[in-house]
Amino acid sequence: MPASSASCFLSELPSGAHAVVARLCGADDAQQAQTVRRLGELGFIPGEPVQLLRRGPGGREPLAVQVGDTQFALRLLEACCIEVTPL
């Protein structure tokens, strides 16, 4: 669950929305811990600006995301590990 009512998960943002990474979460098991570590290595760190550019077919995955100056395609599982504060 997000820490405050002003935050949400990246997967919940509408297409085109801007936000700031609040924290990475979801390290309940080894696989999730590896996903969280990888996201941090890619630049999804607290305070970093992020934008959900668009969603895949049918509004699902992949999610086209820009963090800093770099664009990534994320699965919903990955986007659910990124808590953000919408701008």
Protein backbone atom coordinates (compact mmCIF):
# COMPACT_ATOMS: atom_id res chain seq x y z
CA MET A 1 0.00 0.00 0.00
CA PRO A 2 1.32 3.51 -0.73
CA ALA A 3 2.65 5.41 2.28
CA SER A 4 0.32 8.42 1.86
CA SER A 5 -2.88 9.31 0.01
CA ALA A 6 -0.92 11.63 -2.31
CA SER A 7 1.20 8.76 -3.62
CA CYS A 8 0.33 5.86 -5.89
CA PHE A 9 2.09 3.20 -7.89
CA LEU A 10 3.50 3.95 -11.32
CA SER A 11 1.15 1.32 -12.75
CA GLU A 12 -1.84 3.42 -11.58
CA LEU A 13 -0.88 6.64 -13.40
CA PRO A 14 -2.77 7.63 -16.54
CA SER A 15 -0.86 7.86 -19.82
CA GLY A 16 1.06 11.14 -20.11
CA ALA A 17 1.18 11.73 -16.34
CA HIS A 18 4.27 13.16 -14.64
CA ALA A 19 5.42 12.12 -11.17
CA VAL A 20 8.44 11.82 -8.89
CA VAL A 21 9.69 8.47 -7.61
CA ALA A 22 8.90 8.22 -3.88
CA ARG A 23 10.31 4.74 -3.17
CA LEU A 24 10.73 1.22 -4.47
CA CYS A 25 8.80 -1.50 -2.69
CA GLY A 26 7.79 -5.12 -2.99
CA ALA A 27 10.86 -7.03 -1.82
CA ASP A 28 8.78 -9.81 -0.20
CA ASP A 29 10.65 -12.64 -1.91
CA ALA A 30 13.91 -13.17 -3.78
CA GLN A 31 12.39 -12.52 -7.22
CA GLN A 32 10.79 -9.23 -6.13
CA ALA A 33 14.01 -8.19 -4.39
CA GLN A 34 15.88 -8.76 -7.65
CA THR A 35 13.28 -6.69 -9.55
CA VAL A 36 13.54 -3.82 -7.04
CA ARG A 37 17.35 -3.91 -7.22
CA ARG A 38 17.25 -3.85 -11.04
CA LEU A 39 14.82 -0.90 -11.07
CA GLY A 40 17.15 1.04 -8.78
CA GLU A 41 20.07 0.28 -11.08
CA LEU A 42 18.04 1.59 -14.04
CA GLY A 43 17.55 4.94 -12.30
CA PHE A 44 14.22 4.58 -10.50
CA ILE A 45 15.48 6.20 -7.32
CA PRO A 46 13.64 8.49 -4.87
CA GLY A 47 13.40 12.07 -6.13
CA GLU A 48 13.86 11.16 -9.81
CA PRO A 49 11.24 12.57 -12.23
CA VAL A 50 9.24 9.96 -14.13
CA GLN A 51 6.56 10.06 -16.81
CA LEU A 52 4.22 7.30 -17.97
CA LEU A 53 4.33 7.94 -21.71
CA ARG A 54 1.81 5.35 -22.88
CA ARG A 55 0.44 1.85 -22.32
CA GLY A 56 0.52 -1.17 -24.57
CA PRO A 57 -2.44 -2.58 -26.50
CA GLY A 58 -5.70 -2.49 -24.58
CA GLY A 59 -4.20 -0.20 -21.93
CA ARG A 60 -2.12 -3.03 -20.49
CA GLU A 61 1.59 -3.77 -20.87
CA PRO A 62 4.24 -2.91 -21.69
CA LEU A 63 4.25 0.54 -20.13
CA ALA A 64 6.45 3.09 -21.90
CA VAL A 65 8.10 5.09 -19.12
CA GLN A 66 10.64 7.88 -19.07
CA VAL A 67 12.85 8.29 -16.01
CA GLY A 68 15.27 11.18 -16.22
CA ASP A 69 16.31 11.29 -19.89
CA THR A 70 15.93 7.55 -20.57
CA GLN A 71 12.91 5.60 -21.82
CA PHE A 72 12.08 2.06 -20.72
CA ALA A 73 9.38 -0.52 -21.36
CA LEU A 74 8.16 -1.97 -18.06
CA ARG A 75 5.87 -4.84 -17.20
CA LEU A 76 2.96 -4.14 -14.84
CA LEU A 77 4.69 -6.27 -12.20
CA GLU A 78 7.70 -3.92 -12.33
CA ALA A 79 5.59 -0.74 -12.36
CA CYS A 80 3.77 -1.98 -9.24
CA CYS A 81 7.09 -1.85 -7.36
CA ILE A 82 7.55 1.88 -7.99
CA GLU A 83 5.69 4.24 -5.66
CA VAL A 84 5.40 7.77 -7.07
CA THR A 85 4.04 11.16 -6.11
CA PRO A 86 2.03 12.60 -9.02
CA LEU A 87 2.78 16.19 -10.05
